[in-house]
């Protein structure tokens, strides 16, 4: 079969299934690049064809229409690239797309007989989800529900065209209307538990205060990981917990991984969220025990996580991060927010600890207690790894189910 993947940042969520399918099928991909010199590249022997947006967003466009216009521009670019590939002989039997950026909106206009499977990451709601979850960052615009409805237009248009869809968690699938869920399978992207495992010999050396310190599994390391350090992932709550944690645990060090940008939600009025919330507490901290790593290469990130005694993961009711289950796979003892996405993976005091998202003192108390009783934390970490192996292992659980989903899609 010919199988086409469409993802703005290919491979994204498709990296494992695309690799697996290329062994027996012709696999190609469409992705986005703003660099017009980039037309085609190879990713692990998979040809990736890049479309280029024909224009930027229109200055002064109606604010409710801005999000849809951006996705429409991307859809047009992908449509033009698809037409080029069809003229060159590409006739996919199956198309698997992430619709979030709009690229696959017109793909059935090019290949009407291809079977379309969509990745269902999240369906927005004006109430009961991420929007206005945090009273510290309320959007009081009376048109909010209108803007959210328009934001979901791209989902409605996409899923109407699809033969099937796939979502990584039960909770994320539950955000979609029933008419979409009827064609949706819940299969996680998969965690490579063979790669992401505890390593008693892991170490890292850092220059701190003019001297080089070597950190190992014997040290009290607290980890916090986000793509970007921002309120959606509880960065502000975590930072507010640190004065109490570091005062109670004088030998503890904090490793923070994440960029300075914004992945979700709005930007701060000035500067970065990282600066804003660090500045809020820095006078109460021994700053030489708080280490910001920025964005890390994957191998370095694994080493950091293998050193973790306690890993903190907080999120609004939103998409569940890979980093949570990766930390669990590496045997970290997780303290997580008691928010809906976590309830599938964190069984309180068994595979992790759950705390109120907004209660920085409760978060501090849990971290301190687990550092006080490392054997208990170790048991929770072992339980967490076993849970991920049983339910989310890439090779033995998720990938076989993904391939079955592709087989089912081909017969729709």
Protein backbone atom coordinates (compact mmCIF):
# COMPACT_ATOMS: atom_id res chain seq x y z
CA UNK A 1 0.00 0.00 0.00
CA UNK A 2 0.92 3.65 -0.40
CA UNK A 3 0.50 5.48 2.91
CA UNK A 4 0.71 9.26 3.25
CA UNK A 5 1.27 10.99 6.59
CA UNK A 6 0.41 14.65 6.99
CA UNK A 7 1.76 16.53 10.00
CA UNK A 8 3.02 20.09 10.19
CA UNK A 9 6.09 18.94 12.13
CA UNK A 10 6.41 15.39 10.80
CA UNK A 11 7.00 12.88 12.30
CA UNK A 12 5.41 14.26 15.49
CA UNK A 13 3.04 11.67 16.95
CA UNK A 14 3.57 9.43 13.91
CA UNK A 15 7.26 8.65 14.37
CA UNK A 16 6.78 5.06 15.59
CA UNK A 17 3.94 3.97 13.33
CA UNK A 18 5.54 5.53 10.24
CA UNK A 19 8.78 3.64 10.89
CA UNK A 20 6.92 0.38 11.42
CA UNK A 21 4.85 0.72 8.24
CA UNK A 22 7.76 1.51 5.95
CA UNK A 23 9.01 -2.07 6.30
CA UNK A 24 6.12 -3.37 4.18
CA UNK A 25 4.59 -0.31 2.52
CA UNK A 26 5.53 2.78 0.56
CA UNK A 27 5.41 5.60 3.11
CA UNK A 28 5.67 9.32 2.33
CA UNK A 29 4.87 12.47 4.29
CA UNK A 30 3.81 16.07 3.84
CA UNK A 31 5.03 18.67 6.32
CA UNK A 32 5.43 22.44 6.53
CA UNK A 33 8.47 24.64 6.04
CA UNK A 34 8.62 28.41 5.80
CA UNK A 35 12.03 28.07 4.12
CA UNK A 36 11.24 27.85 0.42
CA UNK A 37 14.63 26.26 -0.23
CA UNK A 38 13.46 23.19 1.70
CA UNK A 39 11.39 21.12 -0.72
CA UNK A 40 12.13 17.50 0.15
CA UNK A 41 14.14 15.68 2.78
CA UNK A 42 14.44 12.14 4.09
CA UNK A 43 13.48 11.10 7.61
CA UNK A 44 14.71 7.57 8.30
CA UNK A 45 14.32 6.73 4.57
CA UNK A 46 10.81 8.23 4.44
CA UNK A 47 10.49 11.03 1.83
CA UNK A 48 9.12 14.20 3.43
CA UNK A 49 7.65 16.73 0.99
CA UNK A 50 7.37 20.28 2.33
CA UNK A 51 4.67 22.76 1.45
CA UNK A 52 5.17 26.50 1.90
CA UNK A 53 2.39 28.82 3.10
CA UNK A 54 1.45 31.18 0.28
CA UNK A 55 1.00 34.16 2.60
CA UNK A 56 0.93 35.29 6.18
CA UNK A 57 -2.18 36.11 8.17
CA UNK A 58 -4.08 39.15 7.00
CA UNK A 59 -3.44 42.34 8.96
CA UNK A 60 -6.68 43.56 10.47
CA UNK A 61 -8.63 40.36 9.82
CA UNK A 62 -11.65 39.91 12.10
CA UNK A 63 -10.19 38.56 15.38
CA UNK A 64 -12.69 35.71 15.52
CA UNK A 65 -11.56 34.59 12.06
CA UNK A 66 -7.80 34.81 12.63
CA UNK A 67 -7.30 31.22 13.80
CA UNK A 68 -9.36 29.77 10.95
CA UNK A 69 -7.59 31.91 8.37
CA UNK A 70 -4.21 30.64 9.53
CA UNK A 71 -5.37 27.04 9.17
CA UNK A 72 -6.91 27.80 5.78
CA UNK A 73 -3.59 29.18 4.50
CA UNK A 74 -1.86 25.98 5.62
CA UNK A 75 -4.60 23.85 4.08
CA UNK A 76 -4.11 25.61 0.77
CA UNK A 77 -0.35 25.05 0.89
CA UNK A 78 -0.78 21.34 1.61
CA UNK A 79 -3.44 21.09 -1.11
CA UNK A 80 -1.05 22.55 -3.71
CA UNK A 81 1.72 20.18 -2.61
CA UNK A 82 -0.68 17.21 -2.77
CA UNK A 83 -1.65 18.13 -6.33
CA UNK A 84 2.03 18.21 -7.29
CA UNK A 85 2.60 14.78 -5.77
CA UNK A 86 -0.48 13.36 -7.49
CA UNK A 87 0.84 14.62 -10.83
CA UNK A 88 4.08 12.79 -10.05
CA UNK A 89 2.18 9.54 -9.53
CA UNK A 90 1.46 9.42 -5.79
CA UNK A 91 -1.89 7.68 -5.18
CA UNK A 92 -2.12 6.85 -1.47
CA UNK A 93 -4.44 4.11 -0.32
CA UNK A 94 -4.39 5.52 3.22
CA UNK A 95 -3.83 9.04 4.53
CA UNK A 96 -3.10 9.55 8.23
CA UNK A 97 -3.15 13.19 9.31
CA UNK A 98 -2.98 15.44 12.33
CA UNK A 99 -5.71 18.01 11.59
CA UNK A 100 -4.68 20.50 14.27
CA UNK A 101 -2.93 22.92 11.91
CA UNK A 102 -5.37 22.52 9.03
CA UNK A 103 -3.14 20.84 6.41
CA UNK A 104 -5.43 17.93 5.61
CA UNK A 105 -8.62 19.99 5.19
CA UNK A 106 -8.77 19.60 1.39
CA UNK A 107 -6.83 16.37 1.03
CA UNK A 108 -9.92 14.39 -0.01
CA UNK A 109 -10.35 16.84 -2.90
CA UNK A 110 -7.08 15.49 -4.28
CA UNK A 111 -7.47 11.80 -3.43
CA UNK A 112 -11.23 11.18 -2.88
CA UNK A 113 -10.91 7.40 -2.73
CA UNK A 114 -8.11 7.31 -0.15
CA UNK A 115 -9.07 6.21 3.37
CA UNK A 116 -8.52 9.09 5.79
CA UNK A 117 -7.59 8.50 9.43
CA UNK A 118 -7.21 11.49 11.76
CA UNK A 119 -5.32 11.99 15.00
CA UNK A 120 -7.75 13.33 17.61
CA UNK A 121 -5.63 15.30 20.04
CA UNK A 122 -8.10 17.72 21.62
CA UNK A 123 -11.51 19.33 21.15
CA UNK A 124 -11.87 22.72 22.79
CA UNK A 125 -14.63 23.73 25.20
CA UNK A 126 -15.45 27.15 26.59
CA UNK A 127 -16.27 25.54 29.96
CA UNK A 128 -15.09 22.47 31.86
CA UNK A 129 -11.68 22.12 30.23
CA UNK A 130 -8.52 24.15 29.94
CA UNK A 131 -10.23 27.45 29.14
CA UNK A 132 -10.53 29.60 32.29
CA UNK A 133 -9.48 26.64 34.42
CA UNK A 134 -6.95 28.83 36.20
CA UNK A 135 -8.54 31.81 38.02
CA UNK A 136 -5.20 33.60 37.82
CA UNK A 137 -5.53 33.85 34.03
CA UNK A 138 -9.19 34.46 33.25
CA UNK A 139 -10.33 35.41 29.76
CA UNK A 140 -13.32 37.62 30.48
CA UNK A 141 -14.07 38.43 26.84
CA UNK A 142 -17.84 37.86 26.37
CA UNK A 143 -17.12 36.50 22.89
CA UNK A 144 -15.03 33.66 24.30
CA UNK A 145 -17.58 30.94 23.53
CA UNK A 146 -17.89 32.25 19.97
CA UNK A 147 -14.14 32.09 19.45
CA UNK A 148 -13.96 28.58 20.86
CA UNK A 149 -16.78 27.44 18.57
CA UNK A 150 -14.92 28.82 15.57
CA UNK A 151 -11.68 27.22 16.75
CA UNK A 152 -13.43 23.84 16.60
CA UNK A 153 -14.71 24.44 13.07
CA UNK A 154 -11.55 22.87 11.69
CA UNK A 155 -12.28 19.72 13.72
CA UNK A 156 -15.85 19.45 12.47
CA UNK A 157 -14.83 19.91 8.83
CA UNK A 158 -11.98 17.40 9.10
CA UNK A 159 -13.70 14.61 10.99
CA UNK A 160 -16.71 14.76 8.69
CA UNK A 161 -14.39 13.59 5.89
CA UNK A 162 -12.58 10.86 7.83
CA UNK A 163 -13.24 7.14 7.81
CA UNK A 164 -11.68 6.68 11.26
CA UNK A 165 -9.71 8.47 13.95
CA UNK A 166 -7.34 7.70 16.78
CA UNK A 167 -6.80 9.45 20.12
CA UNK A 168 -4.03 8.79 22.66
CA UNK A 169 -6.07 8.78 25.89
CA UNK A 170 -9.61 8.12 27.00
CA UNK A 171 -9.91 11.61 28.43
CA UNK A 172 -8.71 13.34 25.27
CA UNK A 173 -11.16 11.25 23.25
CA UNK A 174 -13.94 12.23 25.66
CA UNK A 175 -13.51 15.91 24.76
CA UNK A 176 -14.91 15.21 21.27
CA UNK A 177 -18.62 15.19 20.41
CA UNK A 178 -20.24 11.77 20.26
CA UNK A 179 -20.61 11.99 16.49
CA UNK A 180 -16.81 12.08 16.22
CA UNK A 181 -16.11 9.60 19.04
CA UNK A 182 -18.18 6.97 17.21
CA UNK A 183 -15.32 6.55 14.74
CA UNK A 184 -12.50 7.03 17.25
CA UNK A 185 -10.15 4.38 18.69
CA UNK A 186 -8.16 5.13 21.84
CA UNK A 187 -4.56 4.01 21.35
CA UNK A 188 -1.62 5.78 22.91
CA UNK A 189 1.41 6.82 20.84
CA UNK A 190 3.49 4.38 22.89
CA UNK A 191 6.40 4.63 25.31
CA UNK A 192 9.70 2.94 24.46
CA UNK A 193 10.19 1.28 27.83
CA UNK A 194 13.25 -0.60 26.56
CA UNK A 195 15.04 2.72 25.99
CA UNK A 196 13.40 4.70 28.78
CA UNK A 197 14.39 2.68 31.82
CA UNK A 198 16.14 3.27 35.14
CA UNK A 199 19.90 3.58 35.00
CA UNK A 200 21.67 3.30 38.37
CA UNK A 201 24.91 4.53 36.75
CA UNK A 202 23.44 7.76 35.34
CA UNK A 203 25.29 10.94 36.24
CA UNK A 204 25.60 14.53 35.12
CA UNK A 205 28.24 17.16 35.84
CA UNK A 206 27.28 20.84 36.24
CA UNK A 207 29.32 23.93 36.94
CA UNK A 208 27.80 25.54 40.02
CA UNK A 209 29.25 28.57 41.76
CA UNK A 210 32.69 28.17 40.27
CA UNK A 211 32.98 24.44 40.95
CA UNK A 212 31.93 21.35 39.05
CA UNK A 213 29.39 19.17 40.85
CA UNK A 214 28.73 15.57 39.87
CA UNK A 215 25.15 14.40 40.41
CA UNK A 216 24.21 10.72 40.63
CA UNK A 217 21.24 8.59 41.69
CA UNK A 218 22.40 9.07 45.30
CA UNK A 219 21.49 12.76 45.21
CA UNK A 220 18.12 14.34 45.93
CA UNK A 221 17.08 15.50 42.49
CA UNK A 222 13.65 17.01 41.85
CA UNK A 223 12.75 17.28 38.16
CA UNK A 224 10.24 19.37 36.24
CA UNK A 225 9.87 19.11 32.46
CA UNK A 226 7.80 21.11 29.98
CA UNK A 227 8.25 21.89 26.29
CA UNK A 228 7.98 25.51 27.46
CA UNK A 229 7.77 26.77 31.02
CA UNK A 230 4.25 28.20 31.24
CA UNK A 231 1.05 28.22 33.33
CA UNK A 232 -0.75 25.55 31.26
CA UNK A 233 1.72 23.04 32.65
CA UNK A 234 1.74 24.48 36.18
CA UNK A 235 5.15 26.15 36.09
CA UNK A 236 3.90 28.97 38.34
CA UNK A 237 2.59 26.51 40.93
CA UNK A 238 5.81 24.51 40.88
CA UNK A 239 7.99 27.58 41.36
CA UNK A 240 5.87 28.69 44.33
CA UNK A 241 6.44 25.29 45.97
CA UNK A 242 10.23 25.52 45.80
CA UNK A 243 10.96 27.80 48.79
CA UNK A 244 9.34 25.32 51.19
CA UNK A 245 10.90 22.28 49.49
CA UNK A 246 14.45 23.62 49.46
CA UNK A 247 14.16 24.93 53.02
CA UNK A 248 13.07 21.49 54.25
CA UNK A 249 15.58 19.55 52.12
CA UNK A 250 18.92 21.42 52.29
CA UNK A 251 20.69 18.91 50.04
CA UNK A 252 18.06 18.81 47.30
CA UNK A 253 18.65 20.21 43.83
CA UNK A 254 16.02 21.10 41.23
CA UNK A 255 16.49 20.29 37.53
CA UNK A 256 14.11 22.24 35.28
CA UNK A 257 13.88 21.38 31.57
CA UNK A 258 11.96 23.57 29.13
CA UNK A 259 12.12 26.50 26.78
CA UNK A 260 11.29 30.17 27.29
CA UNK A 261 8.48 30.35 24.74
CA UNK A 262 4.76 29.63 24.83
CA UNK A 263 3.22 26.40 23.57
CA UNK A 264 -0.26 26.88 24.98
CA UNK A 265 -2.26 29.84 26.20
CA UNK A 266 -1.29 33.48 26.09
CA UNK A 267 2.02 35.28 26.44
CA UNK A 268 2.89 37.34 29.53
CA UNK A 269 2.53 41.10 29.33
CA UNK A 270 6.33 41.35 29.15
CA UNK A 271 9.32 39.06 29.31
CA UNK A 272 8.76 35.32 29.67
CA UNK A 273 6.74 33.15 32.03
CA UNK A 274 10.02 31.58 33.10
CA UNK A 275 11.40 34.94 34.23
CA UNK A 276 8.14 36.13 35.76
CA UNK A 277 7.67 33.23 38.16
CA UNK A 278 11.36 32.73 38.93
CA UNK A 279 11.60 36.41 39.85
CA UNK A 280 8.58 35.96 42.12
CA UNK A 281 10.41 33.47 44.37
CA UNK A 282 14.13 33.82 43.71
CA UNK A 283 14.77 35.88 46.84
CA UNK A 284 13.43 32.95 48.88
CA UNK A 285 15.65 30.36 47.17
CA UNK A 286 19.20 29.13 47.23
CA UNK A 287 19.41 29.76 43.50
CA UNK A 288 22.56 27.66 43.19
CA UNK A 289 20.35 24.62 43.80
CA UNK A 290 17.90 25.50 41.01
CA UNK A 291 19.21 24.54 37.58
CA UNK A 292 17.52 25.60 34.33
CA UNK A 293 18.56 23.38 31.42
CA UNK A 294 16.49 24.97 28.67
CA UNK A 295 15.54 22.61 25.85
CA UNK A 296 17.66 19.45 25.79
CA UNK A 297 18.65 16.88 23.21
CA UNK A 298 16.75 13.68 23.86
CA UNK A 299 19.73 11.70 25.20
CA UNK A 300 20.56 14.43 27.72
CA UNK A 301 16.90 14.66 28.74
CA UNK A 302 16.86 10.90 29.43
CA UNK A 303 19.90 11.21 31.68
CA UNK A 304 18.30 14.03 33.64
CA UNK A 305 15.14 11.99 34.14
CA UNK A 306 17.09 8.90 35.21
CA UNK A 307 18.50 10.98 38.08
CA UNK A 308 15.08 12.05 39.34
CA UNK A 309 14.09 11.15 42.88
CA UNK A 310 10.77 13.00 42.56
CA UNK A 311 9.31 14.26 39.30
CA UNK A 312 6.61 16.95 39.32
CA UNK A 313 4.03 17.04 36.53
CA UNK A 314 1.18 19.54 36.55
CA UNK A 315 -1.32 20.35 33.82
CA UNK A 316 -4.58 22.09 33.14
CA UNK A 317 -7.31 19.74 31.82
CA UNK A 318 -5.51 19.45 28.50
CA UNK A 319 -3.41 17.13 26.35
CA UNK A 320 -1.33 14.70 28.41
CA UNK A 321 2.42 15.15 27.87
CA UNK A 322 4.67 12.32 26.73
CA UNK A 323 7.12 13.42 29.45
CA UNK A 324 4.82 12.17 32.21
CA UNK A 325 4.80 8.55 31.09
CA UNK A 326 8.43 8.74 30.02
CA UNK A 327 9.31 9.74 33.58
CA UNK A 328 7.20 6.88 34.91
CA UNK A 329 8.91 4.47 32.50
CA UNK A 330 12.28 5.53 33.92
CA UNK A 331 11.10 4.76 37.44
CA UNK A 332 10.62 8.31 38.67
CA UNK A 333 8.25 8.87 41.57
CA UNK A 334 5.72 11.36 40.20
CA UNK A 335 3.78 14.02 42.07
CA UNK A 336 1.05 15.15 39.68
CA UNK A 337 -1.91 17.48 39.58
CA UNK A 338 -5.28 16.00 40.45
CA UNK A 339 -6.72 17.00 37.08
CA UNK A 340 -8.77 14.84 34.74
CA UNK A 341 -6.06 13.83 32.21
CA UNK A 342 -3.96 12.29 35.01
CA UNK A 343 -6.61 9.95 36.34
CA UNK A 344 -5.91 7.31 33.68
CA UNK A 345 -2.27 6.90 34.67
CA UNK A 346 -1.77 8.08 38.25
CA UNK A 347 -3.36 5.91 40.92
CA UNK A 348 -2.84 7.95 44.07
CA UNK A 349 -0.07 6.61 46.29
CA UNK A 350 0.41 3.63 43.99
CA UNK A 351 1.74 4.86 40.63
CA UNK A 352 2.24 8.42 41.86
CA UNK A 353 0.85 11.12 44.12
CA UNK A 354 -2.02 13.45 43.21
CA UNK A 355 -2.28 16.97 44.61
CA UNK A 356 -4.61 19.89 43.99
CA UNK A 357 -3.25 21.77 40.97
CA UNK A 358 -3.48 25.15 42.71
CA UNK A 359 -2.11 24.14 46.13
CA UNK A 360 1.62 24.84 46.04
CA UNK A 361 1.95 24.01 49.74
CA UNK A 362 0.34 20.58 49.25
CA UNK A 363 2.72 20.02 46.36
CA UNK A 364 5.67 20.98 48.54
CA UNK A 365 4.49 18.71 51.36
CA UNK A 366 4.21 15.70 49.03
CA UNK A 367 7.64 16.24 47.52
CA UNK A 368 9.23 16.71 50.95
CA UNK A 369 7.58 13.57 52.33
CA UNK A 370 8.72 11.44 49.41
CA UNK A 371 12.28 12.72 49.78
CA UNK A 372 12.11 11.89 53.49
CA UNK A 373 11.08 8.32 52.71
CA UNK A 374 13.08 7.35 49.61
CA UNK A 375 12.23 3.64 49.86
CA UNK A 376 8.53 4.46 49.59
CA UNK A 377 9.24 6.77 46.66
CA UNK A 378 11.23 3.99 45.01
CA UNK A 379 8.31 1.57 45.31
CA UNK A 380 5.96 4.12 43.72
CA UNK A 381 8.48 4.61 40.91
CA UNK A 382 8.70 0.85 40.32
CA UNK A 383 4.89 0.62 40.28
CA UNK A 384 4.77 3.46 37.78
CA UNK A 385 7.21 1.74 35.44
CA UNK A 386 5.29 -1.53 35.65
CA UNK A 387 2.05 0.32 34.89
CA UNK A 388 3.52 1.93 31.78
CA UNK A 389 4.95 -1.40 30.61
CA UNK A 390 1.56 -3.09 31.05
CA UNK A 391 -0.57 -0.38 29.41
CA UNK A 392 1.59 1.89 27.22
CA UNK A 393 4.62 -0.11 26.09
CA UNK A 394 5.44 0.83 22.51
CA UNK A 395 6.51 -2.50 21.02
CA UNK A 396 4.26 -4.87 22.94
CA UNK A 397 1.05 -2.88 23.45
CA UNK A 398 0.59 0.33 21.48
CA UNK A 399 2.33 -0.27 18.15
CA UNK A 400 0.54 -3.60 17.48
CA UNK A 401 -2.78 -1.85 18.17
CA UNK A 402 -1.83 1.05 15.91
CA UNK A 403 -1.02 -1.35 13.09
CA UNK A 404 -4.36 -3.09 13.61
CA UNK A 405 -6.01 0.32 13.37
CA UNK A 406 -4.27 0.93 10.03
CA UNK A 407 -5.44 -2.48 8.79
CA UNK A 408 -9.00 -1.68 9.88
CA UNK A 409 -8.79 1.74 8.18
CA UNK A 410 -7.70 0.15 4.91
CA UNK A 411 -10.90 -1.92 4.88
CA UNK A 412 -13.30 0.96 5.56
